Amino acid sequence: MKEVSLSGSLRANVGKKDAKAVRNSGRVPCVVYGNGEQTHFSVKHTDLQKIMFSPDVFAINLDVNGKAFKTIIQDSQQHPLTDKIMHVDFLQLQDDKLVKVDIPVTLKGRSIGVMNGGRLQLVFRTLTVLGYPKDIPDTIEVDITNIKIGGSIRVKALENDKLRLLNASNAVVVSVKMSRGATLEEEEEEAAAEAEAAEAAATAEAAAE
């Protein structure tokens, strides 16, 4: 995973009244947990926005009053109308403990089916993985080059020895659907074969004359 740094300040009090005062000062109430401990703190709303509204997933090097934590964002709450960040839970990463993370899906290559006029459909923009922190990738790359019209790539095709994908193994991640004007590769091959046969027949007939 990509890494970023974030600074926080310990909260003197914990409760709804204190949380409201923290938000009114332009900060966000947060908690980091792991190793059986919880640390309550706050960070600047503007600093969190840059991380949370990015399509990337980050390992966050958190500094709270001089105490360092390597974390990921495990959960968050946002205002239903304004999307303002209301609260964030951080999970402390440990090298020997598995962690569950939603990783963005990126597509690689040009699909045969799309070049024949099909419509690409990305069903999952993120996939949930379970693995050790050192094995968590920035993205899950999916090569779509060989997908024909009517074809797809399912979760089970993306599994590897280091990561366990928690989505249903038979779920479709990306597919190519038929669209108006699309030409199936088989039809193109048949048309090409017929044209070649007709040309060969014409050549043979001309030679016979």
N, C-alpha and C. Protein backbone atom coordinates (compact mmCIF):
# COMPACT_ATOMS: atom_id res chain seq x y z
N MET A 1 0.83 -1.20 0.00
CA MET A 1 0.00 0.00 0.00
C MET A 1 0.87 1.26 0.00
N LYS A 2 0.35 2.31 -0.57
CA LYS A 2 1.00 3.60 -0.49
C LYS A 2 0.93 4.10 0.95
N GLU A 3 1.88 4.93 1.34
CA GLU A 3 1.93 5.43 2.71
C GLU A 3 1.81 6.95 2.74
N VAL A 4 1.11 7.44 3.77
CA VAL A 4 1.02 8.88 4.03
C VAL A 4 1.21 9.10 5.52
N SER A 5 1.48 10.34 5.90
CA SER A 5 1.65 10.69 7.31
C SER A 5 0.53 11.61 7.75
N LEU A 6 0.14 11.48 9.01
CA LEU A 6 -0.96 12.27 9.56
C LEU A 6 -0.67 12.57 11.03
N SER A 7 -0.89 13.82 11.44
CA SER A 7 -0.64 14.22 12.82
C SER A 7 -1.96 14.44 13.56
N GLY A 8 -2.01 14.00 14.79
CA GLY A 8 -3.21 14.17 15.61
C GLY A 8 -2.87 14.68 16.99
N SER A 9 -3.91 15.12 17.69
CA SER A 9 -3.75 15.62 19.06
C SER A 9 -4.66 14.83 19.99
N LEU A 10 -4.13 14.43 21.15
CA LEU A 10 -4.93 13.69 22.13
C LEU A 10 -6.14 14.51 22.57
N ARG A 11 -7.24 13.81 22.80
CA ARG A 11 -8.44 14.47 23.32
C ARG A 11 -8.45 14.35 24.84
N ALA A 12 -8.67 15.48 25.48
CA ALA A 12 -8.68 15.49 26.94
C ALA A 12 -9.92 14.79 27.48
N ASN A 13 -11.03 14.93 26.75
CA ASN A 13 -12.29 14.33 27.20
C ASN A 13 -12.92 13.56 26.04
N VAL A 14 -13.76 12.59 26.39
CA VAL A 14 -14.46 11.80 25.39
C VAL A 14 -15.96 11.85 25.69
N GLY A 15 -16.73 12.20 24.70
CA GLY A 15 -18.18 12.30 24.88
C GLY A 15 -18.79 13.15 23.79
N LYS A 16 -20.12 13.16 23.72
CA LYS A 16 -20.82 13.89 22.66
C LYS A 16 -20.53 15.38 22.71
N LYS A 17 -20.51 15.95 23.90
CA LYS A 17 -20.28 17.39 24.03
C LYS A 17 -18.88 17.75 23.55
N ASP A 18 -17.90 16.95 23.98
CA ASP A 18 -16.52 17.20 23.56
C ASP A 18 -16.36 17.00 22.05
N ALA A 19 -17.00 15.95 21.51
CA ALA A 19 -16.92 15.67 20.08
C ALA A 19 -17.47 16.84 19.26
N LYS A 20 -18.57 17.42 19.74
CA LYS A 20 -19.16 18.56 19.05
C LYS A 20 -18.20 19.76 19.05
N ALA A 21 -17.55 19.99 20.18
CA ALA A 21 -16.60 21.09 20.26
C ALA A 21 -15.42 20.86 19.33
N VAL A 22 -14.97 19.60 19.23
CA VAL A 22 -13.87 19.26 18.33
C VAL A 22 -14.25 19.56 16.89
N ARG A 23 -15.46 19.17 16.49
CA ARG A 23 -15.91 19.40 15.11
C ARG A 23 -16.06 20.89 14.83
N ASN A 24 -16.55 21.63 15.80
CA ASN A 24 -16.73 23.07 15.61
C ASN A 24 -15.40 23.79 15.43
N SER A 25 -14.30 23.16 15.87
CA SER A 25 -12.98 23.78 15.73
C SER A 25 -12.29 23.36 14.43
N GLY A 26 -13.04 22.63 13.57
CA GLY A 26 -12.48 22.23 12.28
C GLY A 26 -11.68 20.94 12.34
N ARG A 27 -11.89 20.16 13.40
CA ARG A 27 -11.18 18.91 13.55
C ARG A 27 -12.17 17.74 13.59
N VAL A 28 -11.65 16.53 13.51
CA VAL A 28 -12.48 15.33 13.49
C VAL A 28 -12.12 14.42 14.66
N PRO A 29 -13.10 14.01 15.46
CA PRO A 29 -12.83 13.05 16.54
C PRO A 29 -12.45 11.70 15.94
N CYS A 30 -11.39 11.08 16.47
CA CYS A 30 -10.90 9.81 15.94
C CYS A 30 -10.51 8.89 17.09
N VAL A 31 -10.37 7.61 16.76
CA VAL A 31 -9.84 6.64 17.71
C VAL A 31 -8.97 5.66 16.94
N VAL A 32 -7.85 5.27 17.53
CA VAL A 32 -7.00 4.23 16.95
C VAL A 32 -7.01 3.07 17.94
N TYR A 33 -7.25 1.86 17.45
CA TYR A 33 -7.27 0.71 18.34
C TYR A 33 -6.41 -0.41 17.77
N GLY A 34 -5.99 -1.28 18.67
CA GLY A 34 -5.07 -2.37 18.34
C GLY A 34 -4.25 -2.69 19.57
N ASN A 35 -3.77 -3.92 19.68
CA ASN A 35 -3.02 -4.35 20.86
C ASN A 35 -3.81 -4.20 22.14
N GLY A 36 -5.13 -4.24 22.03
CA GLY A 36 -5.98 -4.18 23.21
C GLY A 36 -6.13 -2.79 23.81
N GLU A 37 -5.64 -1.76 23.14
CA GLU A 37 -5.72 -0.40 23.65
C GLU A 37 -6.45 0.51 22.67
N GLN A 38 -7.00 1.59 23.20
CA GLN A 38 -7.64 2.61 22.37
C GLN A 38 -7.05 3.97 22.70
N THR A 39 -6.80 4.76 21.67
CA THR A 39 -6.30 6.12 21.86
C THR A 39 -7.25 7.07 21.14
N HIS A 40 -7.83 7.99 21.90
CA HIS A 40 -8.77 8.96 21.34
C HIS A 40 -8.02 10.26 21.03
N PHE A 41 -8.24 10.77 19.84
CA PHE A 41 -7.52 11.95 19.40
C PHE A 41 -8.34 12.68 18.33
N SER A 42 -7.80 13.75 17.80
CA SER A 42 -8.48 14.49 16.73
C SER A 42 -7.46 14.91 15.68
N VAL A 43 -7.93 15.09 14.46
CA VAL A 43 -7.07 15.56 13.37
C VAL A 43 -7.81 16.65 12.59
N LYS A 44 -7.07 17.42 11.83
CA LYS A 44 -7.69 18.46 11.02
C LYS A 44 -8.58 17.84 9.94
N HIS A 45 -9.75 18.40 9.77
CA HIS A 45 -10.69 17.89 8.77
C HIS A 45 -10.09 17.96 7.37
N THR A 46 -9.38 19.03 7.07
CA THR A 46 -8.78 19.20 5.74
C THR A 46 -7.72 18.14 5.46
N ASP A 47 -6.99 17.71 6.50
CA ASP A 47 -5.97 16.67 6.32
C ASP A 47 -6.61 15.32 6.03
N LEU A 48 -7.71 15.03 6.70
CA LEU A 48 -8.41 13.75 6.48
C LEU A 48 -9.08 13.70 5.12
N GLN A 49 -9.59 14.83 4.67
CA GLN A 49 -10.26 14.88 3.36
C GLN A 49 -9.35 14.38 2.25
N LYS A 50 -8.09 14.80 2.30
CA LYS A 50 -7.14 14.44 1.24
C LYS A 50 -6.95 12.93 1.16
N ILE A 51 -7.06 12.26 2.30
CA ILE A 51 -6.86 10.81 2.35
C ILE A 51 -8.15 10.07 2.02
N MET A 52 -9.24 10.48 2.66
CA MET A 52 -10.49 9.72 2.54
C MET A 52 -11.18 9.88 1.19
N PHE A 53 -11.00 11.01 0.55
CA PHE A 53 -11.67 11.24 -0.73
C PHE A 53 -10.77 10.91 -1.92
N SER A 54 -9.68 10.21 -1.64
CA SER A 54 -8.80 9.73 -2.70
C SER A 54 -9.23 8.32 -3.10
N PRO A 55 -9.08 7.96 -4.38
CA PRO A 55 -9.42 6.59 -4.80
C PRO A 55 -8.43 5.55 -4.29
N ASP A 56 -7.28 6.00 -3.79
CA ASP A 56 -6.24 5.09 -3.32
C ASP A 56 -6.51 4.65 -1.88
N VAL A 57 -5.89 3.53 -1.51
CA VAL A 57 -5.91 3.04 -0.13
C VAL A 57 -4.52 3.24 0.46
N PHE A 58 -4.48 3.82 1.66
CA PHE A 58 -3.20 4.18 2.25
C PHE A 58 -2.94 3.47 3.57
N ALA A 59 -1.67 3.15 3.80
CA ALA A 59 -1.19 2.86 5.15
C ALA A 59 -0.82 4.22 5.73
N ILE A 60 -1.37 4.55 6.88
CA ILE A 60 -1.23 5.89 7.44
C ILE A 60 -0.29 5.85 8.64
N ASN A 61 0.82 6.58 8.53
CA ASN A 61 1.76 6.73 9.64
C ASN A 61 1.25 7.86 10.53
N LEU A 62 0.64 7.45 11.62
CA LEU A 62 -0.06 8.38 12.50
C LEU A 62 0.83 8.80 13.67
N ASP A 63 0.89 10.10 13.91
CA ASP A 63 1.64 10.63 15.05
C ASP A 63 0.65 11.36 15.97
N VAL A 64 0.50 10.83 17.19
CA VAL A 64 -0.41 11.45 18.16
C VAL A 64 0.42 11.89 19.36
N ASN A 65 0.68 13.18 19.44
CA ASN A 65 1.49 13.75 20.53
C ASN A 65 2.80 13.00 20.71
N GLY A 66 3.45 12.67 19.58
CA GLY A 66 4.76 12.04 19.63
C GLY A 66 4.72 10.52 19.65
N LYS A 67 3.55 9.92 19.79
CA LYS A 67 3.44 8.46 19.77
C LYS A 67 3.07 8.01 18.37
N ALA A 68 3.84 7.05 17.83
CA ALA A 68 3.67 6.65 16.43
C ALA A 68 2.83 5.38 16.31
N PHE A 69 1.97 5.37 15.30
CA PHE A 69 1.16 4.21 14.96
C PHE A 69 1.17 4.05 13.44
N LYS A 70 1.30 2.81 12.98
CA LYS A 70 1.08 2.54 11.56
C LYS A 70 -0.31 1.97 11.43
N THR A 71 -1.18 2.62 10.65
CA THR A 71 -2.61 2.30 10.67
C THR A 71 -3.23 2.28 9.27
N ILE A 72 -4.46 1.84 9.25
CA ILE A 72 -5.35 2.05 8.11
C ILE A 72 -6.68 2.56 8.65
N ILE A 73 -7.45 3.20 7.78
CA ILE A 73 -8.80 3.61 8.17
C ILE A 73 -9.70 2.39 8.10
N GLN A 74 -10.29 2.03 9.23
CA GLN A 74 -11.14 0.85 9.31
C GLN A 74 -12.62 1.19 9.13
N ASP A 75 -13.02 2.36 9.63
CA ASP A 75 -14.42 2.76 9.52
C ASP A 75 -14.51 4.28 9.65
N SER A 76 -15.59 4.83 9.12
CA SER A 76 -15.78 6.28 9.22
C SER A 76 -17.27 6.61 9.18
N GLN A 77 -17.60 7.78 9.70
CA GLN A 77 -18.97 8.29 9.66
C GLN A 77 -18.95 9.65 9.00
N GLN A 78 -19.90 9.86 8.09
CA GLN A 78 -20.01 11.14 7.40
C GLN A 78 -21.43 11.67 7.51
N HIS A 79 -21.55 12.99 7.50
CA HIS A 79 -22.86 13.61 7.58
C HIS A 79 -23.67 13.22 6.34
N PRO A 80 -24.93 12.78 6.52
CA PRO A 80 -25.71 12.28 5.38
C PRO A 80 -26.03 13.32 4.31
N LEU A 81 -25.98 14.60 4.65
CA LEU A 81 -26.32 15.65 3.69
C LEU A 81 -25.09 16.36 3.13
N THR A 82 -24.11 16.61 3.99
CA THR A 82 -22.96 17.41 3.56
C THR A 82 -21.70 16.58 3.25
N ASP A 83 -21.71 15.29 3.62
CA ASP A 83 -20.54 14.41 3.47
C ASP A 83 -19.37 14.85 4.36
N LYS A 84 -19.63 15.75 5.30
CA LYS A 84 -18.58 16.15 6.23
C LYS A 84 -18.20 14.94 7.08
N ILE A 85 -16.89 14.76 7.30
CA ILE A 85 -16.40 13.63 8.08
C ILE A 85 -16.69 13.88 9.56
N MET A 86 -17.42 12.95 10.18
CA MET A 86 -17.85 13.12 11.56
C MET A 86 -16.99 12.34 12.56
N HIS A 87 -16.50 11.18 12.15
CA HIS A 87 -15.70 10.35 13.06
C HIS A 87 -14.95 9.31 12.23
N VAL A 88 -13.74 8.97 12.68
CA VAL A 88 -12.94 7.98 11.96
C VAL A 88 -12.31 6.99 12.95
N ASP A 89 -12.41 5.70 12.61
CA ASP A 89 -11.74 4.65 13.37
C ASP A 89 -10.49 4.21 12.60
N PHE A 90 -9.35 4.20 13.28
CA PHE A 90 -8.10 3.72 12.70
C PHE A 90 -7.75 2.38 13.34
N LEU A 91 -7.24 1.46 12.53
CA LEU A 91 -6.78 0.17 13.02
C LEU A 91 -5.27 0.13 12.95
N GLN A 92 -4.62 -0.20 14.06
CA GLN A 92 -3.17 -0.29 14.09
C GLN A 92 -2.73 -1.56 13.36
N LEU A 93 -1.81 -1.40 12.42
CA LEU A 93 -1.31 -2.53 11.64
C LEU A 93 -0.19 -3.23 12.40
N GLN A 94 -0.19 -4.56 12.31
CA GLN A 94 0.87 -5.37 12.90
C GLN A 94 1.34 -6.37 11.85
N ASP A 95 2.65 -6.49 11.71
CA ASP A 95 3.21 -7.31 10.64
C ASP A 95 2.75 -8.76 10.67
N ASP A 96 2.45 -9.29 11.86
CA ASP A 96 2.10 -10.70 11.99
C ASP A 96 0.61 -10.95 12.12
N LYS A 97 -0.21 -9.92 11.86
CA LYS A 97 -1.66 -10.08 11.96
C LYS A 97 -2.33 -9.74 10.64
N LEU A 98 -3.27 -10.59 10.24
CA LEU A 98 -4.01 -10.37 8.99
C LEU A 98 -4.90 -9.14 9.12
N VAL A 99 -5.09 -8.46 8.00
CA VAL A 99 -5.94 -7.27 7.98
C VAL A 99 -6.87 -7.34 6.78
N LYS A 100 -8.08 -6.85 6.96
CA LYS A 100 -9.07 -6.83 5.88
C LYS A 100 -9.15 -5.43 5.30
N VAL A 101 -8.99 -5.33 3.97
CA VAL A 101 -8.94 -4.03 3.31
C VAL A 101 -9.71 -4.08 2.00
N ASP A 102 -10.41 -2.99 1.67
CA ASP A 102 -11.04 -2.85 0.35
C ASP A 102 -10.03 -2.20 -0.60
N ILE A 103 -9.67 -2.93 -1.67
CA ILE A 103 -8.65 -2.48 -2.60
C ILE A 103 -9.30 -2.12 -3.95
N PRO A 104 -8.94 -0.97 -4.54
CA PRO A 104 -9.53 -0.60 -5.83
C PRO A 104 -9.09 -1.53 -6.96
N VAL A 105 -9.99 -1.72 -7.93
CA VAL A 105 -9.72 -2.53 -9.11
C VAL A 105 -9.29 -1.62 -10.25
N THR A 106 -8.20 -1.97 -10.93
CA THR A 106 -7.78 -1.23 -12.12
C THR A 106 -7.73 -2.19 -13.30
N LEU A 107 -8.09 -1.68 -14.47
CA LEU A 107 -8.15 -2.51 -15.67
C LEU A 107 -6.92 -2.28 -16.54
N LYS A 108 -6.43 -3.37 -17.15
CA LYS A 108 -5.25 -3.31 -18.00
C LYS A 108 -5.57 -3.90 -19.36
N GLY A 109 -5.11 -3.23 -20.43
CA GLY A 109 -5.27 -3.75 -21.78
C GLY A 109 -6.55 -3.28 -22.46
N ARG A 110 -6.71 -3.71 -23.72
CA ARG A 110 -7.91 -3.40 -24.51
C ARG A 110 -8.63 -4.70 -24.83
N SER A 111 -9.87 -4.77 -24.44
CA SER A 111 -10.65 -6.00 -24.62
C SER A 111 -10.96 -6.26 -26.09
N ILE A 112 -10.81 -7.54 -26.52
CA ILE A 112 -11.20 -7.93 -27.87
C ILE A 112 -12.68 -7.63 -28.10
N GLY A 113 -13.49 -7.94 -27.09
CA GLY A 113 -14.93 -7.72 -27.22
C GLY A 113 -15.29 -6.26 -27.39
N VAL A 114 -14.58 -5.37 -26.68
CA VAL A 114 -14.85 -3.94 -26.80
C VAL A 114 -14.44 -3.44 -28.18
N MET A 115 -13.31 -3.93 -28.70
CA MET A 115 -12.86 -3.53 -30.03
C MET A 115 -13.83 -4.02 -31.11
N ASN A 116 -14.59 -5.08 -30.79
CA ASN A 116 -15.61 -5.57 -31.73
C ASN A 116 -16.96 -4.90 -31.51
N GLY A 117 -17.00 -3.89 -30.64
CA GLY A 117 -18.22 -3.11 -30.46
C GLY A 117 -18.99 -3.42 -29.19
N GLY A 118 -18.47 -4.32 -28.35
CA GLY A 118 -19.14 -4.65 -27.10
C GLY A 118 -19.02 -3.55 -26.06
N ARG A 119 -19.77 -3.70 -25.00
CA ARG A 119 -19.79 -2.68 -23.93
C ARG A 119 -19.15 -3.25 -22.67
N LEU A 120 -18.11 -2.58 -22.19
CA LEU A 120 -17.40 -3.02 -20.99
C LEU A 120 -18.20 -2.65 -19.74
N GLN A 121 -18.33 -3.60 -18.83
CA GLN A 121 -19.07 -3.36 -17.59
C GLN A 121 -18.22 -3.77 -16.40
N LEU A 122 -17.81 -2.78 -15.60
CA LEU A 122 -17.05 -3.03 -14.38
C LEU A 122 -18.03 -3.15 -13.23
N VAL A 123 -18.17 -4.35 -12.69
CA VAL A 123 -19.15 -4.62 -11.65
C VAL A 123 -18.62 -4.23 -10.27
N PHE A 124 -17.36 -4.56 -9.99
CA PHE A 124 -16.73 -4.25 -8.70
C PHE A 124 -15.63 -3.22 -8.91
N ARG A 125 -15.79 -2.06 -8.29
CA ARG A 125 -14.72 -1.06 -8.34
C ARG A 125 -13.69 -1.30 -7.23
N THR A 126 -14.09 -2.04 -6.20
CA THR A 126 -13.16 -2.46 -5.15
C THR A 126 -13.43 -3.93 -4.82
N LEU A 127 -12.41 -4.60 -4.32
CA LEU A 127 -12.56 -5.97 -3.83
C LEU A 127 -11.99 -6.04 -2.42
N THR A 128 -12.62 -6.85 -1.58
CA THR A 128 -12.20 -6.97 -0.19
C THR A 128 -11.20 -8.11 -0.06
N VAL A 129 -10.01 -7.79 0.46
CA VAL A 129 -8.96 -8.80 0.59
C VAL A 129 -8.57 -8.97 2.05
N LEU A 130 -8.02 -10.14 2.35
CA LEU A 130 -7.48 -10.43 3.67
C LEU A 130 -6.03 -10.87 3.49
N GLY A 131 -5.12 -10.19 4.17
CA GLY A 131 -3.71 -10.53 4.02
C GLY A 131 -2.86 -9.80 5.04
N TYR A 132 -1.57 -10.11 5.04
CA TYR A 132 -0.65 -9.41 5.93
C TYR A 132 -0.33 -8.05 5.33
N PRO A 133 -0.08 -7.05 6.17
CA PRO A 133 0.15 -5.69 5.66
C PRO A 133 1.16 -5.60 4.53
N LYS A 134 2.25 -6.35 4.60
CA LYS A 134 3.28 -6.26 3.57
C LYS A 134 2.82 -6.80 2.22
N ASP A 135 1.75 -7.60 2.22
CA ASP A 135 1.27 -8.21 0.98
C ASP A 135 0.08 -7.48 0.35
N ILE A 136 -0.40 -6.44 1.02
CA ILE A 136 -1.56 -5.70 0.50
C ILE A 136 -1.12 -4.79 -0.65
N PRO A 137 -1.66 -4.97 -1.86
CA PRO A 137 -1.23 -4.16 -3.01
C PRO A 137 -1.93 -2.80 -3.06
N ASP A 138 -1.41 -1.91 -3.89
CA ASP A 138 -2.07 -0.62 -4.12
C ASP A 138 -3.40 -0.81 -4.83
N THR A 139 -3.40 -1.71 -5.82
CA THR A 139 -4.61 -2.00 -6.59
C THR A 139 -4.62 -3.48 -6.96
N ILE A 140 -5.79 -3.95 -7.37
CA ILE A 140 -5.90 -5.28 -7.96
C ILE A 140 -6.03 -5.08 -9.46
N GLU A 141 -5.00 -5.47 -10.19
CA GLU A 141 -4.96 -5.24 -11.63
C GLU A 141 -5.62 -6.39 -12.37
N VAL A 142 -6.54 -6.06 -13.27
CA VAL A 142 -7.27 -7.07 -14.03
C VAL A 142 -6.98 -6.86 -15.51
N ASP A 143 -6.40 -7.88 -16.15
CA ASP A 143 -6.09 -7.82 -17.58
C ASP A 143 -7.33 -8.22 -18.37
N ILE A 144 -7.89 -7.27 -19.14
CA ILE A 144 -9.13 -7.53 -19.86
C ILE A 144 -8.90 -7.84 -21.34
N THR A 145 -7.64 -7.97 -21.75
CA THR A 145 -7.30 -8.10 -23.16
C THR A 145 -8.07 -9.21 -23.86
N ASN A 146 -8.21 -10.36 -23.23
CA ASN A 146 -8.79 -11.53 -23.90
C ASN A 146 -10.28 -11.72 -23.67
N ILE A 147 -10.94 -10.73 -23.08
CA ILE A 147 -12.38 -10.88 -22.85
C ILE A 147 -13.13 -10.59 -24.15
N LYS A 148 -13.87 -11.60 -24.63
CA LYS A 148 -14.69 -11.45 -25.83
C LYS A 148 -16.10 -11.00 -25.43
N ILE A 149 -16.92 -10.68 -26.41
CA ILE A 149 -18.31 -10.33 -26.14
C ILE A 149 -19.00 -11.52 -25.47
N GLY A 150 -19.65 -11.25 -24.36
CA GLY A 150 -20.29 -12.32 -23.60
C GLY A 150 -19.36 -12.93 -22.56
N GLY A 151 -18.07 -12.54 -22.56
CA GLY A 151 -17.11 -13.08 -21.63
C GLY A 151 -17.00 -12.25 -20.36
N SER A 152 -16.32 -12.80 -19.36
CA SER A 152 -16.18 -12.10 -18.09
C SER A 152 -14.97 -12.64 -17.32
N ILE A 153 -14.59 -11.92 -16.29
CA ILE A 153 -13.58 -12.36 -15.34
C ILE A 153 -14.22 -12.37 -13.97
N ARG A 154 -14.09 -13.49 -13.27
CA ARG A 154 -14.71 -13.65 -11.96
C ARG A 154 -13.67 -13.55 -10.85
N VAL A 155 -14.15 -13.38 -9.64
CA VAL A 155 -13.27 -13.20 -8.48
C VAL A 155 -12.25 -14.32 -8.37
N LYS A 156 -12.68 -15.56 -8.57
CA LYS A 156 -11.79 -16.71 -8.38
C LYS A 156 -10.57 -16.67 -9.32
N ALA A 157 -10.69 -15.98 -10.45
CA ALA A 157 -9.57 -15.90 -11.39
C ALA A 157 -8.49 -14.94 -10.90
N LEU A 158 -8.77 -14.15 -9.86
CA LEU A 158 -7.83 -13.14 -9.38
C LEU A 158 -7.15 -13.56 -8.08
N GLU A 159 -7.48 -14.73 -7.58
CA GLU A 159 -6.91 -15.18 -6.31
C GLU A 159 -5.42 -15.51 -6.47
N ASN A 160 -4.68 -15.33 -5.37
CA ASN A 160 -3.26 -15.72 -5.36
C ASN A 160 -2.90 -16.27 -3.99
N ASP A 161 -1.66 -16.71 -3.84
CA ASP A 161 -1.24 -17.37 -2.61
C ASP A 161 -1.14 -16.42 -1.41
N LYS A 162 -0.93 -15.14 -1.69
CA LYS A 162 -0.68 -14.19 -0.60
C LYS A 162 -1.95 -13.50 -0.09
N LEU A 163 -2.96 -13.42 -0.94
CA LEU A 163 -4.17 -12.70 -0.57
C LEU A 163 -5.40 -13.60 -0.69
N ARG A 164 -6.28 -13.46 0.26
CA ARG A 164 -7.56 -14.15 0.19
C ARG A 164 -8.63 -13.12 -0.17
N LEU A 165 -9.34 -13.37 -1.26
CA LEU A 165 -10.42 -12.47 -1.66
C LEU A 165 -11.70 -12.90 -0.96
N LEU A 166 -12.34 -11.96 -0.28
CA LEU A 166 -13.50 -12.28 0.54
C LEU A 166 -14.83 -12.14 -0.20
N ASN A 167 -14.81 -11.60 -1.40
CA ASN A 167 -16.02 -11.55 -2.22
C ASN A 167 -16.35 -12.95 -2.71
N ALA A 168 -17.60 -13.18 -3.08
CA ALA A 168 -18.02 -14.49 -3.58
C ALA A 168 -17.15 -14.89 -4.77
N SER A 169 -16.59 -16.10 -4.72
CA SER A 169 -15.60 -16.52 -5.72
C SER A 169 -16.16 -16.54 -7.14
N ASN A 170 -17.46 -16.75 -7.28
CA ASN A 170 -18.06 -16.85 -8.61
C ASN A 170 -18.63 -15.50 -9.10
N ALA A 171 -18.47 -14.46 -8.29
CA ALA A 171 -19.00 -13.15 -8.67
C ALA A 171 -18.22 -12.56 -9.84
N VAL A 172 -18.94 -11.94 -10.77
CA VAL A 172 -18.31 -11.32 -11.94
C VAL A 172 -17.71 -9.97 -11.55
N VAL A 173 -16.44 -9.77 -11.86
CA VAL A 173 -15.77 -8.50 -11.58
C VAL A 173 -15.91 -7.55 -12.77
N VAL A 174 -15.67 -8.07 -13.97
CA VAL A 174 -15.78 -7.25 -15.19
C VAL A 174 -16.25 -8.14 -16.32
N SER A 175 -17.05 -7.58 -17.21
CA SER A 175 -17.58 -8.35 -18.33
C SER A 175 -17.72 -7.46 -19.55
N VAL A 176 -17.94 -8.09 -20.70
CA VAL A 176 -18.22 -7.36 -21.94
C VAL A 176 -19.57 -7.82 -22.46
N LYS A 177 -20.50 -6.89 -22.57
CA LYS A 177 -21.85 -7.20 -23.00
C LYS A 177 -22.05 -6.86 -24.47
N MET A 178 -23.01 -7.54 -25.08
CA MET A 178 -23.39 -7.23 -26.46
C MET A 178 -24.04 -5.85 -26.52
N SER A 179 -23.74 -5.10 -27.56
CA SER A 179 -24.40 -3.81 -27.77
C SER A 179 -24.77 -3.69 -29.24
N ARG A 180 -25.61 -2.74 -29.57
CA ARG A 180 -26.00 -2.53 -30.96
C ARG A 180 -24.78 -2.25 -31.82
N GLY A 181 -24.71 -2.90 -32.95
CA GLY A 181 -23.60 -2.68 -33.85
C GLY A 181 -22.39 -3.52 -33.54
N ALA A 182 -22.47 -4.34 -32.46
CA ALA A 182 -21.33 -5.18 -32.11
C ALA A 182 -21.22 -6.34 -33.08
N THR A 183 -20.00 -6.76 -33.32
CA THR A 183 -19.75 -7.87 -34.23
C THR A 183 -19.03 -8.96 -33.46
N LEU A 184 -19.60 -10.12 -33.40
CA LEU A 184 -18.95 -11.23 -32.72
C LEU A 184 -17.71 -11.65 -33.50
N GLU A 185 -16.67 -11.99 -32.77
CA GLU A 185 -15.41 -12.38 -33.40
C GLU A 185 -15.62 -13.59 -34.31
N GLU A 186 -16.48 -14.53 -33.89
CA GLU A 186 -16.74 -15.72 -34.70
C GLU A 186 -17.36 -15.35 -36.04
N GLU A 187 -18.26 -14.34 -36.00
CA GLU A 187 -18.91 -13.91 -37.24
C GLU A 187 -17.88 -13.27 -38.17
N GLU A 188 -16.95 -12.50 -37.58
CA GLU A 188 -15.92 -11.87 -38.40
C GLU A 188 -15.04 -12.95 -39.05
N GLU A 189 -14.69 -13.99 -38.26
CA GLU A 189 -13.85 -15.06 -38.79
C GLU A 189 -14.55 -15.82 -39.90
N GLU A 190 -15.87 -16.07 -39.73
CA GLU A 190 -16.64 -16.77 -40.76
C GLU A 190 -16.70 -15.95 -42.03
N ALA A 191 -16.94 -14.63 -41.87
CA ALA A 191 -17.03 -13.75 -43.04
C ALA A 191 -15.69 -13.72 -43.78
N ALA A 192 -14.60 -13.67 -43.01
CA ALA A 192 -13.27 -13.65 -43.63
C ALA A 192 -13.01 -14.96 -44.37
N ALA A 193 -13.42 -16.09 -43.78
CA ALA A 193 -13.22 -17.40 -44.40
C ALA A 193 -14.02 -17.51 -45.69
N GLU A 194 -15.27 -17.01 -45.65
CA GLU A 194 -16.11 -17.04 -46.86
C GLU A 194 -15.51 -16.19 -47.97
N ALA A 195 -14.96 -15.03 -47.60
CA ALA A 195 -14.36 -14.14 -48.59
C ALA A 195 -13.13 -14.79 -49.21
N GLU A 196 -12.33 -15.46 -48.38
CA GLU A 196 -11.14 -16.14 -48.88
C GLU A 196 -11.53 -17.29 -49.82
N ALA A 197 -12.58 -18.03 -49.45
CA ALA A 197 -13.04 -19.15 -50.28
C ALA A 197 -13.55 -18.66 -51.62
N ALA A 198 -14.30 -17.54 -51.59
CA ALA A 198 -14.84 -16.99 -52.82
C ALA A 198 -13.71 -16.50 -53.73
N GLU A 199 -12.69 -15.87 -53.13
CA GLU A 199 -11.55 -15.39 -53.91
C GLU A 199 -10.78 -16.55 -54.52
N ALA A 200 -10.62 -17.63 -53.75
CA ALA A 200 -9.90 -18.80 -54.25
C ALA A 200 -10.67 -19.45 -55.40
N ALA A 201 -11.99 -19.51 -55.28
CA ALA A 201 -12.83 -20.10 -56.32
C ALA A 201 -12.74 -19.28 -57.60
N ALA A 202 -12.76 -17.96 -57.45
CA ALA A 202 -12.67 -17.07 -58.62
C ALA A 202 -11.32 -17.22 -59.31
N THR A 203 -10.28 -17.37 -58.52
CA THR A 203 -8.92 -17.55 -59.07
C THR A 203 -8.84 -18.86 -59.85
N ALA A 204 -9.40 -19.91 -59.26
CA ALA A 204 -9.38 -21.23 -59.91
C ALA A 204 -10.16 -21.21 -61.19
N GLU A 205 -11.30 -20.53 -61.17
CA GLU A 205 -12.16 -20.45 -62.38
C GLU A 205 -11.44 -19.68 -63.48
N ALA A 206 -10.75 -18.61 -63.11
CA ALA A 206 -10.03 -17.81 -64.10
C ALA A 206 -8.88 -18.63 -64.69
N ALA A 207 -8.23 -19.42 -63.87
CA ALA A 207 -7.13 -20.24 -64.36
C ALA A 207 -7.62 -21.32 -65.31
N ALA A 208 -8.81 -21.86 -65.03
CA ALA A 208 -9.38 -22.91 -65.90
C ALA A 208 -9.72 -22.38 -67.27
N GLU A 209 -10.10 -21.12 -67.34
CA GLU A 209 -10.43 -20.52 -68.64
C GLU A 209 -9.17 -20.31 -69.45
